[in-house]
Amino acid sequence: MNIADMQVGSIYSFTMQSPVIHGSRIQKAKLTAIADFALATVLSPVEQQYAQIYPVLPQGTPYSPETCKYYVFTQLNGERIVIADQWIVDGSVEEISQITYRITIHDGSLGDTTKIRAALTAIGKTDFTIES
């Protein structure tokens, strides 16, 4: 998938051009907004980050943080990150349609299974397995 095809509200994993700021791979982050340079600078120190990442961008990449499109993501841990389009390896973007959760309850009892099943059903989850 191309960077330009990303849609607000969807969840993505992708490879970064450099691990300097956010690591080499972003996993299962929700795209919450697309911003211009002015808004991005309010949300994150993108000008400083751009200067740090620029030396490892592909040769011929213009130094132009003001003309980039900035993507605002919320990661699984709730942290908000802002990433310029130039920092993402084009073609590495993968849309995540499902996430599998694994939850371990260490102090559960056999009677909890019914309550857990009811709680999951109440939030619309029907495709799940409970093991004890």
C-alpha atoms as a PDB file:
ATOM      1  CA  MET A   1       0.000   0.000   0.000  1.00  0.00           C
ATOM      2  CA  ASN A   2       1.220   3.496  -0.771  1.00  0.00           C
ATOM      3  CA  ILE A   3       1.582   6.186   1.874  1.00  0.00           C
ATOM      4  CA  ALA A   4      -0.889   8.487   0.093  1.00  0.00           C
ATOM      5  CA  ASP A   5      -3.611   5.807   0.313  1.00  0.00           C
ATOM      6  CA  MET A   6      -3.744   5.833   4.131  1.00  0.00           C
ATOM      7  CA  GLN A   7      -7.104   6.872   5.594  1.00  0.00           C
ATOM      8  CA  VAL A   8      -7.868   8.506   8.941  1.00  0.00           C
ATOM      9  CA  GLY A   9      -9.375   5.993  11.362  1.00  0.00           C
ATOM     10  CA  SER A  10      -7.534   2.977   9.954  1.00  0.00           C
ATOM     11  CA  ILE A  11      -4.736   1.033  11.649  1.00  0.00           C
ATOM     12  CA  TYR A  12      -1.346   0.600   9.968  1.00  0.00           C
ATOM     13  CA  SER A  13       2.060  -0.995  10.345  1.00  0.00           C
ATOM     14  CA  PHE A  14       4.999   0.290   8.288  1.00  0.00           C
ATOM     15  CA  THR A  15       8.767   0.611   8.086  1.00  0.00           C
ATOM     16  CA  MET A  16      10.562   3.880   8.826  1.00  0.00           C
ATOM     17  CA  GLN A  17      13.423   5.241   6.716  1.00  0.00           C
ATOM     18  CA  SER A  18      15.422   5.589   9.956  1.00  0.00           C
ATOM     19  CA  PRO A  19      15.091   4.227  13.490  1.00  0.00           C
ATOM     20  CA  VAL A  20      16.397   7.522  14.928  1.00  0.00           C
ATOM     21  CA  ILE A  21      13.103   8.874  16.323  1.00  0.00           C
ATOM     22  CA  HIS A  22      10.418   6.192  16.520  1.00  0.00           C
ATOM     23  CA  GLY A  23      12.316   2.972  15.817  1.00  0.00           C
ATOM     24  CA  SER A  24      12.615   1.055  12.566  1.00  0.00           C
ATOM     25  CA  ARG A  25       9.006  -0.186  12.429  1.00  0.00           C
ATOM     26  CA  ILE A  26       5.706   1.245  13.585  1.00  0.00           C
ATOM     27  CA  GLN A  27       3.252  -1.507  14.535  1.00  0.00           C
ATOM     28  CA  LYS A  28      -0.541  -1.294  14.667  1.00  0.00           C
ATOM     29  CA  ALA A  29      -0.860   2.483  14.980  1.00  0.00           C
ATOM     30  CA  LYS A  30      -4.178   4.216  14.335  1.00  0.00           C
ATOM     31  CA  LEU A  31      -4.059   7.160  11.927  1.00  0.00           C
ATOM     32  CA  THR A  32      -5.937   9.914  13.739  1.00  0.00           C
ATOM     33  CA  ALA A  33      -5.176  12.942  11.537  1.00  0.00           C
ATOM     34  CA  ILE A  34      -3.283  14.214   8.519  1.00  0.00           C
ATOM     35  CA  ALA A  35      -1.639  17.581   9.068  1.00  0.00           C
ATOM     36  CA  ASP A  36       0.402  20.256   7.371  1.00  0.00           C
ATOM     37  CA  PHE A  37       3.709  21.552   8.727  1.00  0.00           C
ATOM     38  CA  ALA A  38       2.112  24.331  10.820  1.00  0.00           C
ATOM     39  CA  LEU A  39      -0.144  21.946  12.737  1.00  0.00           C
ATOM     40  CA  ALA A  40       2.522  19.242  12.976  1.00  0.00           C
ATOM     41  CA  THR A  41       4.908  21.660  14.729  1.00  0.00           C
ATOM     42  CA  VAL A  42       2.250  22.322  17.368  1.00  0.00           C
ATOM     43  CA  LEU A  43       1.836  18.588  18.017  1.00  0.00           C
ATOM     44  CA  SER A  44       5.480  17.496  17.905  1.00  0.00           C
ATOM     45  CA  PRO A  45       9.007  18.902  17.403  1.00  0.00           C
ATOM     46  CA  VAL A  46       8.951  17.806  13.745  1.00  0.00           C
ATOM     47  CA  GLU A  47      11.471  20.400  12.580  1.00  0.00           C
ATOM     48  CA  GLN A  48      14.124  19.001  14.958  1.00  0.00           C
ATOM     49  CA  GLN A  49      13.147  15.439  14.111  1.00  0.00           C
ATOM     50  CA  TYR A  50      13.344  16.186  10.385  1.00  0.00           C
ATOM     51  CA  ALA A  51      16.895  17.491  10.825  1.00  0.00           C
ATOM     52  CA  GLN A  52      17.853  14.266  12.628  1.00  0.00           C
ATOM     53  CA  ILE A  53      16.272  11.949  10.064  1.00  0.00           C
ATOM     54  CA  TYR A  54      17.182  13.860   6.893  1.00  0.00           C
ATOM     55  CA  PRO A  55      20.777  12.500   6.553  1.00  0.00           C
ATOM     56  CA  VAL A  56      19.452   8.938   6.115  1.00  0.00           C
ATOM     57  CA  LEU A  57      16.635   9.746   3.688  1.00  0.00           C
ATOM     58  CA  PRO A  58      17.151   8.515   0.124  1.00  0.00           C
ATOM     59  CA  GLN A  59      19.674  10.507  -1.898  1.00  0.00           C
ATOM     60  CA  GLY A  60      18.017  13.361  -3.763  1.00  0.00           C
ATOM     61  CA  THR A  61      15.293  13.898  -1.156  1.00  0.00           C
ATOM     62  CA  PRO A  62      14.779  17.674  -0.949  1.00  0.00           C
ATOM     63  CA  TYR A  63      15.258  19.236   2.494  1.00  0.00           C
ATOM     64  CA  SER A  64      11.749  20.618   2.810  1.00  0.00           C
ATOM     65  CA  PRO A  65       9.972  19.912   6.090  1.00  0.00           C
ATOM     66  CA  GLU A  66       7.452  22.662   5.255  1.00  0.00           C
ATOM     67  CA  THR A  67       6.147  20.807   2.187  1.00  0.00           C
ATOM     68  CA  CYS A  68       5.734  17.359   3.768  1.00  0.00           C
ATOM     69  CA  LYS A  69       2.419  15.815   4.666  1.00  0.00           C
ATOM     70  CA  TYR A  70       2.387  14.775   8.336  1.00  0.00           C
ATOM     71  CA  TYR A  71       0.528  11.773   9.683  1.00  0.00           C
ATOM     72  CA  VAL A  72      -0.625  11.756  13.301  1.00  0.00           C
ATOM     73  CA  PHE A  73      -0.866   8.268  14.798  1.00  0.00           C
ATOM     74  CA  THR A  74      -1.944   6.862  18.141  1.00  0.00           C
ATOM     75  CA  GLN A  75       0.103   3.812  19.067  1.00  0.00           C
ATOM     76  CA  LEU A  76      -1.196   0.821  21.032  1.00  0.00           C
ATOM     77  CA  ASN A  77       0.226   2.296  24.257  1.00  0.00           C
ATOM     78  CA  GLY A  78      -1.763   5.515  23.682  1.00  0.00           C
ATOM     79  CA  GLU A  79       1.262   7.600  22.699  1.00  0.00           C
ATOM     80  CA  ARG A  80       0.677  10.118  19.893  1.00  0.00           C
ATOM     81  CA  ILE A  81       3.390  10.326  17.239  1.00  0.00           C
ATOM     82  CA  VAL A  82       3.707  12.600  14.210  1.00  0.00           C
ATOM     83  CA  ILE A  83       5.505  11.274  11.139  1.00  0.00           C
ATOM     84  CA  ALA A  84       6.368  13.018   7.863  1.00  0.00           C
ATOM     85  CA  ASP A  85       5.518  11.219   4.642  1.00  0.00           C
ATOM     86  CA  GLN A  86       9.228  11.195   3.678  1.00  0.00           C
ATOM     87  CA  TRP A  87      10.103   9.195   6.815  1.00  0.00           C
ATOM     88  CA  ILE A  88       7.972   6.182   5.793  1.00  0.00           C
ATOM     89  CA  VAL A  89       9.335   3.571   3.384  1.00  0.00           C
ATOM     90  CA  ASP A  90       6.894   3.734   0.487  1.00  0.00           C
ATOM     91  CA  GLY A  91       5.364   0.347  -0.238  1.00  0.00           C
ATOM     92  CA  SER A  92       5.899  -0.860   3.347  1.00  0.00           C
ATOM     93  CA  VAL A  93       2.503   0.345   4.585  1.00  0.00           C
ATOM     94  CA  GLU A  94       0.218  -2.483   5.657  1.00  0.00           C
ATOM     95  CA  GLU A  95      -3.374  -1.850   6.731  1.00  0.00           C
ATOM     96  CA  ILE A  96      -4.358  -3.905   9.768  1.00  0.00           C
ATOM     97  CA  SER A  97      -7.963  -5.059   9.596  1.00  0.00           C
ATOM     98  CA  GLN A  98      -7.966  -7.170  12.770  1.00  0.00           C
ATOM     99  CA  ILE A  99      -6.013  -7.294  15.978  1.00  0.00           C
ATOM    100  CA  THR A 100      -5.794 -10.429  18.103  1.00  0.00           C
ATOM    101  CA  TYR A 101      -5.654  -9.838  21.860  1.00  0.00           C
ATOM    102  CA  ARG A 102      -4.301 -12.316  24.389  1.00  0.00           C
ATOM    103  CA  ILE A 103      -5.382 -11.648  27.967  1.00  0.00           C
ATOM    104  CA  THR A 104      -4.240 -13.623  31.013  1.00  0.00           C
ATOM    105  CA  ILE A 105      -6.171 -13.318  34.273  1.00  0.00           C
ATOM    106  CA  HIS A 106      -4.026 -14.739  37.071  1.00  0.00           C
ATOM    107  CA  ASP A 107      -6.614 -14.731  39.849  1.00  0.00           C
ATOM    108  CA  GLY A 108      -9.629 -16.042  37.904  1.00  0.00           C
ATOM    109  CA  SER A 109     -12.100 -18.677  38.986  1.00  0.00           C
ATOM    110  CA  LEU A 110     -14.147 -21.152  36.939  1.00  0.00           C
ATOM    111  CA  GLY A 111     -17.258 -19.018  37.410  1.00  0.00           C
ATOM    112  CA  ASP A 112     -15.565 -16.087  35.696  1.00  0.00           C
ATOM    113  CA  THR A 113     -15.825 -17.735  32.268  1.00  0.00           C
ATOM    114  CA  THR A 114     -19.527 -16.926  31.980  1.00  0.00           C
ATOM    115  CA  LYS A 115     -18.959 -13.309  33.048  1.00  0.00           C
ATOM    116  CA  ILE A 116     -16.073 -12.859  30.616  1.00  0.00           C
ATOM    117  CA  ARG A 117     -18.106 -14.349  27.773  1.00  0.00           C
ATOM    118  CA  ALA A 118     -21.031 -12.021  28.613  1.00  0.00           C
ATOM    119  CA  ALA A 119     -18.737  -8.979  28.773  1.00  0.00           C
ATOM    120  CA  LEU A 120     -17.207  -9.726  25.375  1.00  0.00           C
ATOM    121  CA  THR A 121     -20.613 -10.352  23.825  1.00  0.00           C
ATOM    122  CA  ALA A 122     -21.889  -7.067  25.294  1.00  0.00           C
ATOM    123  CA  ILE A 123     -19.257  -5.136  23.308  1.00  0.00           C
ATOM    124  CA  GLY A 124     -20.097  -7.001  20.119  1.00  0.00           C
ATOM    125  CA  LYS A 125     -17.284  -9.553  20.115  1.00  0.00           C
ATOM    126  CA  THR A 126     -18.503 -12.985  19.038  1.00  0.00           C
ATOM    127  CA  ASP A 127     -15.412 -14.629  17.523  1.00  0.00           C
ATOM    128  CA  PHE A 128     -13.333 -15.489  20.601  1.00  0.00           C
ATOM    129  CA  THR A 129     -11.947 -18.426  22.551  1.00  0.00           C
ATOM    130  CA  ILE A 130     -11.712 -18.681  26.324  1.00  0.00           C
ATOM    131  CA  GLU A 131      -9.255 -21.194  27.722  1.00  0.00           C
ATOM    132  CA  SER A 132      -8.827 -22.022  31.376  1.00  0.00           C
END
